[in-house]
Amino acid sequence: MKKVLFLSLVFGGLALTSCKKDYECECKYNLGGEPITHTFDIKDVKKKDAEAGCTYNVPGFDINVDCSLK
């Protein structure tokens, strides 16, 4: 009986757990020969959505920006 109750609690907890969490996006680029790193948080999303949102553009410049989730 204790095993059944324990397993019920474990699986019940897993069922209530959300797949959403917080991610940090890190972007690296060079501006005028100076290496720059920019990080920002992406909160309460699924990993697929965080990957899609992990982009960064430098306004007014055509610069190659390399972004990835940390």
C-alpha atoms as a PDB file:
ATOM      1  CA  MET A   1       0.000   0.000   0.000  1.00  0.00           C
ATOM      2  CA  LYS A   2       2.865   2.389   0.827  1.00  0.00           C
ATOM      3  CA  LYS A   3       4.498   1.680  -2.528  1.00  0.00           C
ATOM      4  CA  VAL A   4       1.291   2.423  -4.412  1.00  0.00           C
ATOM      5  CA  LEU A   5       0.827   5.692  -2.522  1.00  0.00           C
ATOM      6  CA  PHE A   6       4.459   6.678  -3.090  1.00  0.00           C
ATOM      7  CA  LEU A   7       4.281   5.921  -6.826  1.00  0.00           C
ATOM      8  CA  SER A   8       1.001   7.829  -7.087  1.00  0.00           C
ATOM      9  CA  LEU A   9       2.592  10.869  -5.478  1.00  0.00           C
ATOM     10  CA  VAL A  10       5.657  10.680  -7.742  1.00  0.00           C
ATOM     11  CA  PHE A  11       3.667  10.361 -10.959  1.00  0.00           C
ATOM     12  CA  GLY A  12       1.158  12.966  -9.788  1.00  0.00           C
ATOM     13  CA  GLY A  13       4.001  15.411  -9.147  1.00  0.00           C
ATOM     14  CA  LEU A  14       5.460  14.769 -12.583  1.00  0.00           C
ATOM     15  CA  ALA A  15       2.075  15.328 -14.207  1.00  0.00           C
ATOM     16  CA  LEU A  16       1.726  18.704 -12.496  1.00  0.00           C
ATOM     17  CA  THR A  17       5.245  19.828 -13.418  1.00  0.00           C
ATOM     18  CA  SER A  18       5.355  22.303 -16.273  1.00  0.00           C
ATOM     19  CA  CYS A  19       7.722  21.908 -19.212  1.00  0.00           C
ATOM     20  CA  LYS A  20       8.284  25.655 -19.147  1.00  0.00           C
ATOM     21  CA  LYS A  21      11.316  27.159 -17.463  1.00  0.00           C
ATOM     22  CA  ASP A  22      13.732  30.080 -17.626  1.00  0.00           C
ATOM     23  CA  TYR A  23      16.622  30.196 -20.105  1.00  0.00           C
ATOM     24  CA  GLU A  24      19.548  32.537 -20.653  1.00  0.00           C
ATOM     25  CA  CYS A  25      20.566  33.559 -24.166  1.00  0.00           C
ATOM     26  CA  GLU A  26      24.160  34.611 -24.831  1.00  0.00           C
ATOM     27  CA  CYS A  27      25.058  36.501 -28.008  1.00  0.00           C
ATOM     28  CA  LYS A  28      28.601  37.271 -29.174  1.00  0.00           C
ATOM     29  CA  TYR A  29      29.697  39.677 -31.910  1.00  0.00           C
ATOM     30  CA  ASN A  30      32.468  42.100 -32.873  1.00  0.00           C
ATOM     31  CA  LEU A  31      31.844  45.829 -33.138  1.00  0.00           C
ATOM     32  CA  GLY A  32      34.752  47.917 -34.393  1.00  0.00           C
ATOM     33  CA  GLY A  33      37.148  45.054 -33.699  1.00  0.00           C
ATOM     34  CA  GLU A  34      35.965  44.908 -30.074  1.00  0.00           C
ATOM     35  CA  PRO A  35      34.435  41.554 -28.947  1.00  0.00           C
ATOM     36  CA  ILE A  36      31.076  42.087 -27.231  1.00  0.00           C
ATOM     37  CA  THR A  37      28.919  39.607 -25.316  1.00  0.00           C
ATOM     38  CA  HIS A  38      25.267  40.328 -24.609  1.00  0.00           C
ATOM     39  CA  THR A  39      23.129  38.059 -22.396  1.00  0.00           C
ATOM     40  CA  PHE A  40      19.431  38.226 -21.657  1.00  0.00           C
ATOM     41  CA  ASP A  41      16.844  36.076 -19.913  1.00  0.00           C
ATOM     42  CA  ILE A  42      13.959  34.307 -21.606  1.00  0.00           C
ATOM     43  CA  LYS A  43      11.467  33.429 -18.882  1.00  0.00           C
ATOM     44  CA  ASP A  44       8.810  30.757 -18.529  1.00  0.00           C
ATOM     45  CA  VAL A  45       8.953  29.193 -22.018  1.00  0.00           C
ATOM     46  CA  LYS A  46       9.506  25.797 -23.570  1.00  0.00           C
ATOM     47  CA  LYS A  47      12.991  25.061 -24.909  1.00  0.00           C
ATOM     48  CA  LYS A  48      11.808  25.181 -28.537  1.00  0.00           C
ATOM     49  CA  ASP A  49      10.386  28.689 -28.010  1.00  0.00           C
ATOM     50  CA  ALA A  50      13.531  29.800 -26.170  1.00  0.00           C
ATOM     51  CA  GLU A  51      15.698  28.649 -29.087  1.00  0.00           C
ATOM     52  CA  ALA A  52      13.498  30.594 -31.515  1.00  0.00           C
ATOM     53  CA  GLY A  53      13.683  33.706 -29.311  1.00  0.00           C
ATOM     54  CA  CYS A  54      17.438  33.515 -28.791  1.00  0.00           C
ATOM     55  CA  THR A  55      18.349  36.010 -31.494  1.00  0.00           C
ATOM     56  CA  TYR A  56      19.822  39.485 -31.322  1.00  0.00           C
ATOM     57  CA  ASN A  57      20.299  42.215 -33.888  1.00  0.00           C
ATOM     58  CA  VAL A  58      22.559  45.219 -33.458  1.00  0.00           C
ATOM     59  CA  PRO A  59      20.393  48.165 -34.541  1.00  0.00           C
ATOM     60  CA  GLY A  60      21.814  50.175 -37.422  1.00  0.00           C
ATOM     61  CA  PHE A  61      24.609  47.717 -38.202  1.00  0.00           C
ATOM     62  CA  ASP A  62      24.905  44.681 -40.444  1.00  0.00           C
ATOM     63  CA  ILE A  63      26.826  42.495 -37.988  1.00  0.00           C
ATOM     64  CA  ASN A  64      27.052  38.706 -37.692  1.00  0.00           C
ATOM     65  CA  VAL A  65      25.700  37.815 -34.230  1.00  0.00           C
ATOM     66  CA  ASP A  66      26.203  34.297 -32.804  1.00  0.00           C
ATOM     67  CA  CYS A  67      23.552  33.474 -30.175  1.00  0.00           C
ATOM     68  CA  SER A  68      23.016  30.308 -28.116  1.00  0.00           C
ATOM     69  CA  LEU A  69      21.191  29.175 -24.998  1.00  0.00           C
ATOM     70  CA  LYS A  70      23.248  28.735 -21.857  1.00  0.00           C
END
